[in-house]
Amino acid sequence: MAAGLIGIGRYVPENIVTNADLEKIMDTSDEWIRTRTGIEERRIAGDDENTSDLAFKAAEAAIKDAGITADQIGLILVNTVTPDQPFPTVACMIQERLGATKAAAMDQSAACAGYMYGLVTAKHFVEAGTYDYVLVVGAEKLSKITDWTDRNTAVLFGDGACAAVVGKVSEGRGILAYELGADGSGGKFLYQDEHDHIAMNGREVFKFAVRQMGESAMNVIEKAGYQKEDVDFLIPHQANIRIIDAARKRLDLPEDKVAAVISKYGNTSAASIGNAMVECVENGKIKDDDLIVLVGFGGGLTWGAIALRYGK
């Protein structure tokens, strides 16, 4: 029995904040942001939108794409570092709104690697026969923990949500291999400070990300029994265009075989990889039976990578 993604979805807020908008409220420039990060704009949720609202809309889209009903879901896993409140969890909140009355529900937290942790957790529940369908959501309202006076972090982040229904797929498809990891000693480089704002040592995080993303991507390709030449598409965490390029070069992939949507959305943490995947499926860059590598890193420090044969 193999587990894979049988439905995917996403939601991003309507409000677009451009680099030009940020120039008006802080000492920065469009050129400075673009050349250092690759970001041109990001989506910011309104005061009346919270993480659960974003998560609910992405989950609805994934369930519809999967062709199932909410009451068929056995477990809801929401990955977020920006829940509406400590409890009830976002997972419980969207369980009610979805009408997923038979589902267990819990939140997970592995920052920007959270979606990888969620998909791997779902894989094991499905392959064990515990649940037929697991809903995995990555959702963040990072704008509420962003220090809008700190140009080194404020320019990086955006809000959004992604979702996937994990279930049984045909032989040869689905999640083929994975790697999850953590290094708590690096937590001091990316964390939420005493003012509840994102704090980051950009240089240290950059060094870690460039090394770990390349290593993890290669590891899961080898675990799945393939070589880098077999990879059809790479979906890296959308944190910085230079980090994305480093991962691409490690796999010797051309630019058109790599998801790079950071210019439009910025870093949306747990929503980043899933959002990029949906966009690439929608525009035809990812097709059934493509060998895809998902790879990300986040605060903790955490990381995760998945080799996936796309399709049901």
Protein backbone atom coordinates (compact mmCIF):
# COMPACT_ATOMS: atom_id res chain seq x y z
CA MET A 1 0.00 0.00 0.00
CA ALA A 2 1.41 3.38 -1.03
CA ALA A 3 0.36 6.79 0.28
CA GLY A 4 0.43 9.94 -1.76
CA LEU A 5 -1.27 13.26 -2.45
CA ILE A 6 -4.71 12.67 -3.94
CA GLY A 7 -5.86 16.28 -3.67
CA ILE A 8 -4.16 19.64 -3.18
CA GLY A 9 -5.30 23.18 -2.55
CA ARG A 10 -4.20 26.61 -1.39
CA TYR A 11 -5.41 30.03 -0.35
CA VAL A 12 -3.63 33.37 -0.26
CA PRO A 13 -5.14 36.65 0.99
CA GLU A 14 -6.25 39.17 -1.60
CA ASN A 15 -4.24 42.05 -0.15
CA ILE A 16 -0.91 42.50 -2.01
CA VAL A 17 1.90 44.46 -0.34
CA THR A 18 4.65 45.41 -2.78
CA ASN A 19 8.22 46.43 -2.11
CA ALA A 20 7.19 49.96 -3.05
CA ASP A 21 4.63 49.86 -0.24
CA LEU A 22 7.35 48.87 2.23
CA GLU A 23 9.55 51.73 1.04
CA LYS A 24 6.94 54.08 2.50
CA ILE A 25 7.13 52.68 6.03
CA MET A 26 10.76 51.64 6.48
CA ASP A 27 14.31 52.39 5.32
CA THR A 28 14.49 49.98 2.37
CA SER A 29 14.14 49.91 -1.40
CA ASP A 30 12.67 47.64 -4.05
CA GLU A 31 16.14 47.05 -5.49
CA TRP A 32 17.61 46.13 -2.09
CA ILE A 33 14.84 43.58 -1.43
CA ARG A 34 14.80 42.05 -4.92
CA THR A 35 18.55 41.63 -5.27
CA ARG A 36 18.98 40.04 -1.83
CA THR A 37 15.84 37.90 -1.62
CA GLY A 38 14.07 37.70 -4.99
CA ILE A 39 10.85 38.98 -3.39
CA GLU A 40 8.76 41.62 -5.17
CA GLU A 41 5.48 41.36 -3.27
CA ARG A 42 3.70 39.34 -0.62
CA ARG A 43 0.11 38.67 0.50
CA ILE A 44 -0.95 40.03 3.88
CA ALA A 45 -4.12 38.90 5.64
CA GLY A 46 -6.62 41.46 6.83
CA ASP A 47 -7.45 42.18 10.45
CA ASP A 48 -10.58 40.05 10.02
CA GLU A 49 -8.62 37.03 8.71
CA ASN A 50 -6.79 34.66 11.01
CA THR A 51 -4.77 31.52 10.43
CA SER A 52 -7.83 29.29 10.76
CA ASP A 53 -9.60 31.24 8.01
CA LEU A 54 -6.70 30.73 5.62
CA ALA A 55 -6.42 27.06 6.61
CA PHE A 56 -10.13 26.42 6.11
CA LYS A 57 -10.15 27.79 2.56
CA ALA A 58 -7.06 25.80 1.53
CA ALA A 59 -8.52 22.65 3.10
CA GLU A 60 -11.82 23.09 1.25
CA ALA A 61 -9.93 23.32 -2.04
CA ALA A 62 -7.87 20.18 -1.34
CA ILE A 63 -10.91 18.13 -0.33
CA LYS A 64 -12.72 19.18 -3.50
CA ASP A 65 -9.65 18.31 -5.60
CA ALA A 66 -9.47 14.88 -3.96
CA GLY A 67 -13.08 14.15 -4.84
CA ILE A 68 -14.05 13.11 -1.31
CA THR A 69 -16.28 14.53 1.38
CA ALA A 70 -15.14 16.01 4.68
CA ASP A 71 -16.77 13.24 6.72
CA GLN A 72 -14.42 10.70 5.08
CA ILE A 73 -11.34 12.33 6.65
CA GLY A 74 -9.88 10.39 9.60
CA LEU A 75 -7.29 12.90 10.80
CA ILE A 76 -6.57 16.60 10.37
CA LEU A 77 -2.99 17.82 10.83
CA VAL A 78 -2.41 21.58 10.75
CA ASN A 79 1.16 22.82 10.63
CA THR A 80 1.57 26.37 11.91
CA VAL A 81 3.65 28.59 14.16
CA THR A 82 0.93 31.27 14.16
CA PRO A 83 -2.23 29.63 15.51
CA ASP A 84 -5.20 31.84 16.28
CA GLN A 85 -4.59 31.00 19.95
CA PRO A 86 -2.91 28.19 21.92
CA PHE A 87 -6.18 26.23 22.09
CA PRO A 88 -8.49 25.19 20.66
CA THR A 89 -6.11 24.21 17.89
CA VAL A 90 -6.50 25.43 14.34
CA ALA A 91 -7.10 21.79 13.39
CA CYS A 92 -10.10 21.60 15.72
CA MET A 93 -11.42 24.93 14.48
CA ILE A 94 -11.39 23.87 10.83
CA GLN A 95 -12.72 20.40 11.68
CA GLU A 96 -15.94 22.06 12.81
CA ARG A 97 -16.14 24.41 9.83
CA LEU A 98 -15.44 21.61 7.34
CA GLY A 99 -17.96 19.26 8.94
CA ALA A 100 -15.26 16.61 9.32
CA THR A 101 -17.09 15.10 12.26
CA LYS A 102 -15.26 11.76 12.20
CA ALA A 103 -11.74 13.23 12.18
CA ALA A 104 -9.23 13.46 14.99
CA ALA A 105 -7.46 16.83 14.88
CA MET A 106 -4.20 18.31 16.10
CA ASP A 107 -1.68 21.04 15.29
CA GLN A 108 2.01 20.39 14.61
CA SER A 109 4.86 22.88 14.74
CA ALA A 110 8.11 22.57 12.80
CA ALA A 111 8.12 26.08 11.32
CA CYS A 112 8.90 26.21 7.59
CA ALA A 113 9.56 22.45 7.50
CA GLY A 114 6.15 21.77 9.03
CA TYR A 115 4.45 20.71 5.80
CA MET A 116 7.09 18.01 5.31
CA TYR A 117 6.54 16.76 8.86
CA GLY A 118 2.79 16.71 8.25
CA LEU A 119 2.97 14.78 4.99
CA VAL A 120 5.30 12.17 6.49
CA THR A 121 3.05 11.75 9.54
CA ALA A 122 0.04 11.32 7.24
CA LYS A 123 1.90 8.76 5.10
CA HIS A 124 2.44 6.48 8.08
CA PHE A 125 -1.16 6.66 9.29
CA VAL A 126 -2.46 5.81 5.80
CA GLU A 127 0.03 3.03 5.12
CA ALA A 128 -0.68 1.50 8.54
CA GLY A 129 -4.36 1.35 7.61
CA THR A 130 -5.36 3.58 10.53
CA TYR A 131 -7.03 6.20 8.33
CA ASP A 132 -8.12 6.18 4.70
CA TYR A 133 -7.64 9.92 4.33
CA VAL A 134 -5.53 12.43 6.26
CA LEU A 135 -5.86 16.16 5.67
CA VAL A 136 -2.54 18.01 5.97
CA VAL A 137 -2.58 21.80 6.15
CA GLY A 138 0.21 24.37 6.29
CA ALA A 139 -1.12 27.79 7.29
CA GLU A 140 0.48 30.97 8.56
CA LYS A 141 -0.41 34.54 9.40
CA LEU A 142 3.19 35.63 9.83
CA SER A 143 2.23 39.29 9.53
CA LYS A 144 0.98 39.21 13.13
CA ILE A 145 4.43 38.26 14.48
CA THR A 146 6.45 40.45 12.10
CA ASP A 147 8.28 43.51 13.40
CA TRP A 148 7.38 46.03 10.73
CA THR A 149 10.19 48.33 11.87
CA ASP A 150 12.89 45.71 11.20
CA ARG A 151 13.78 45.81 7.53
CA ASN A 152 15.93 42.69 7.80
CA THR A 153 12.94 40.47 8.58
CA ALA A 154 9.80 42.44 7.65
CA VAL A 155 10.52 42.30 3.92
CA LEU A 156 10.73 38.50 3.90
CA PHE A 157 7.39 37.15 5.09
CA GLY A 158 3.84 36.76 3.86
CA ASP A 159 0.58 35.03 4.77
CA GLY A 160 -1.10 32.04 3.17
CA ALA A 161 -2.17 28.41 3.42
CA CYS A 162 -1.81 25.14 1.54
CA ALA A 163 -3.42 21.73 2.00
CA ALA A 164 -3.23 18.15 0.77
CA VAL A 165 -5.37 15.08 1.22
CA VAL A 166 -3.10 12.07 1.71
CA GLY A 167 -4.55 8.70 0.79
CA LYS A 168 -3.84 5.46 -1.05
CA VAL A 169 -2.39 5.81 -4.54
CA SER A 170 -1.57 3.40 -7.34
CA GLU A 171 1.60 1.32 -7.29
CA GLY A 172 4.76 3.27 -8.06
CA ARG A 173 3.23 6.62 -7.13
CA GLY A 174 3.10 8.56 -3.89
CA ILE A 175 5.73 9.30 -1.24
CA LEU A 176 8.74 7.14 -2.13
CA ALA A 177 11.26 8.33 0.46
CA TYR A 178 11.69 11.03 3.06
CA GLU A 179 14.10 12.60 5.52
CA LEU A 180 13.19 14.62 8.60
CA GLY A 181 15.72 16.24 10.91
CA ALA A 182 16.35 18.83 13.58
CA ASP A 183 19.24 20.63 15.24
CA GLY A 184 18.06 22.33 18.41
CA SER A 185 21.44 24.00 18.90
CA GLY A 186 20.56 26.27 15.97
CA GLY A 187 17.33 27.49 17.51
CA LYS A 188 19.03 30.71 18.56
CA PHE A 189 19.40 31.69 14.91
CA LEU A 190 15.66 31.82 14.14
CA TYR A 191 13.05 32.25 16.85
CA GLN A 192 10.16 34.29 18.27
CA ASP A 193 11.54 36.91 20.65
CA GLU A 194 10.25 38.35 23.91
CA HIS A 195 8.11 40.81 21.94
CA ASP A 196 6.52 37.91 20.01
CA HIS A 197 8.29 38.98 16.82
CA ILE A 198 10.34 36.92 14.38
CA ALA A 199 14.06 37.26 15.11
CA MET A 200 16.71 35.88 12.78
CA ASN A 201 20.46 35.70 12.25
CA GLY A 202 20.24 35.82 8.48
CA ARG A 203 23.83 34.84 7.79
CA GLU A 204 23.71 31.69 9.93
CA VAL A 205 20.31 30.63 8.61
CA PHE A 206 21.50 31.13 5.04
CA LYS A 207 24.58 28.94 5.57
CA PHE A 208 22.50 26.21 7.20
CA ALA A 209 19.82 26.30 4.51
CA VAL A 210 22.18 26.11 1.55
CA ARG A 211 23.97 23.10 3.02
CA GLN A 212 20.97 21.24 4.40
CA MET A 213 18.59 21.66 1.46
CA GLY A 214 21.13 20.27 -0.99
CA GLU A 215 22.10 17.36 1.26
CA SER A 216 18.52 16.40 2.11
CA ALA A 217 17.39 16.56 -1.51
CA MET A 218 20.20 14.24 -2.58
CA ASN A 219 19.52 11.90 0.34
CA VAL A 220 15.86 11.29 -0.52
CA ILE A 221 16.64 10.80 -4.21
CA GLU A 222 19.12 8.08 -3.28
CA LYS A 223 16.75 6.52 -0.70
CA ALA A 224 14.09 6.28 -3.40
CA GLY A 225 16.53 4.44 -5.65
CA TYR A 226 17.07 7.21 -8.17
CA GLN A 227 19.79 9.62 -9.30
CA LYS A 228 19.55 13.37 -9.59
CA GLU A 229 19.25 13.05 -13.36
CA ASP A 230 15.89 11.29 -12.81
CA VAL A 231 14.29 14.25 -11.03
CA ASP A 232 11.60 16.00 -13.07
CA PHE A 233 10.89 18.90 -10.73
CA LEU A 234 12.17 20.46 -7.50
CA ILE A 235 9.94 22.31 -5.04
CA PRO A 236 12.14 24.02 -2.44
CA HIS A 237 11.03 26.14 0.49
CA GLN A 238 10.51 29.69 -0.75
CA ALA A 239 12.73 31.64 1.63
CA ASN A 240 15.34 33.31 -0.57
CA ILE A 241 16.03 33.07 -4.31
CA ARG A 242 19.73 32.50 -3.65
CA ILE A 243 18.95 29.48 -1.45
CA ILE A 244 16.59 28.15 -4.13
CA ASP A 245 19.31 28.55 -6.77
CA ALA A 246 21.84 26.73 -4.60
CA ALA A 247 19.50 23.74 -4.24
CA ARG A 248 18.80 23.78 -7.97
CA LYS A 249 22.49 23.74 -8.83
CA ARG A 250 23.14 20.86 -6.42
CA LEU A 251 20.72 18.77 -8.49
CA ASP A 252 21.95 20.18 -11.84
CA LEU A 253 18.43 21.22 -12.79
CA PRO A 254 17.53 23.98 -15.28
CA GLU A 255 15.54 26.92 -13.93
CA ASP A 256 12.32 25.74 -15.60
CA LYS A 257 12.40 22.56 -13.50
CA VAL A 258 12.34 24.40 -10.18
CA ALA A 259 9.45 26.08 -8.38
CA ALA A 260 10.31 29.71 -7.73
CA VAL A 261 7.21 31.67 -6.74
CA ILE A 262 8.92 33.65 -3.99
CA SER A 263 8.68 36.87 -6.01
CA LYS A 264 4.88 36.88 -5.57
CA TYR A 265 4.41 35.47 -2.08
CA GLY A 266 7.60 35.83 -0.04
CA ASN A 267 8.26 33.31 2.73
CA THR A 268 4.98 31.83 4.00
CA SER A 269 6.64 29.28 6.31
CA ALA A 270 4.57 26.07 6.55
CA ALA A 271 2.45 27.16 3.57
CA SER A 272 5.44 27.77 1.30
CA ILE A 273 6.10 24.41 -0.37
CA GLY A 274 2.46 23.39 -0.77
CA ASN A 275 1.54 26.77 -2.24
CA ALA A 276 4.37 26.49 -4.76
CA MET A 277 3.29 22.95 -5.68
CA VAL A 278 -0.31 23.97 -6.38
CA GLU A 279 0.83 26.84 -8.58
CA CYS A 280 3.15 24.58 -10.58
CA VAL A 281 0.41 21.96 -11.07
CA GLU A 282 -2.05 24.65 -12.15
CA ASN A 283 0.32 26.05 -14.77
CA GLY A 284 1.23 22.62 -16.12
CA LYS A 285 4.82 22.45 -14.91
CA ILE A 286 4.09 19.33 -12.82
CA LYS A 287 2.36 16.38 -14.47
CA ASP A 288 1.26 12.90 -13.44
CA ASP A 289 4.14 10.46 -12.91
CA ASP A 290 6.73 13.23 -12.52
CA LEU A 291 9.41 12.50 -9.94
CA ILE A 292 9.32 15.48 -7.60
CA VAL A 293 11.53 16.47 -4.70
CA LEU A 294 10.11 18.66 -1.92
CA VAL A 295 12.67 20.14 0.45
CA GLY A 296 12.56 22.74 3.19
CA PHE A 297 14.07 24.06 6.40
CA GLY A 298 12.82 26.15 9.27
CA GLY A 299 13.13 27.43 12.79
CA GLY A 300 14.10 24.86 15.34
CA LEU A 301 16.25 24.35 13.37
CA THR A 302 14.28 21.77 11.41
CA TRP A 303 14.41 20.31 7.93
CA GLY A 304 12.61 17.83 5.76
CA ALA A 305 12.67 16.39 2.25
CA ILE A 306 10.38 14.08 0.29
CA ALA A 307 10.80 12.20 -2.99
CA LEU A 308 7.35 11.90 -4.54
CA ARG A 309 5.96 10.29 -7.68
CA TYR A 310 3.08 12.64 -8.46
CA GLY A 311 -0.41 11.41 -9.24
CA LYS A 312 -3.13 9.14 -7.88
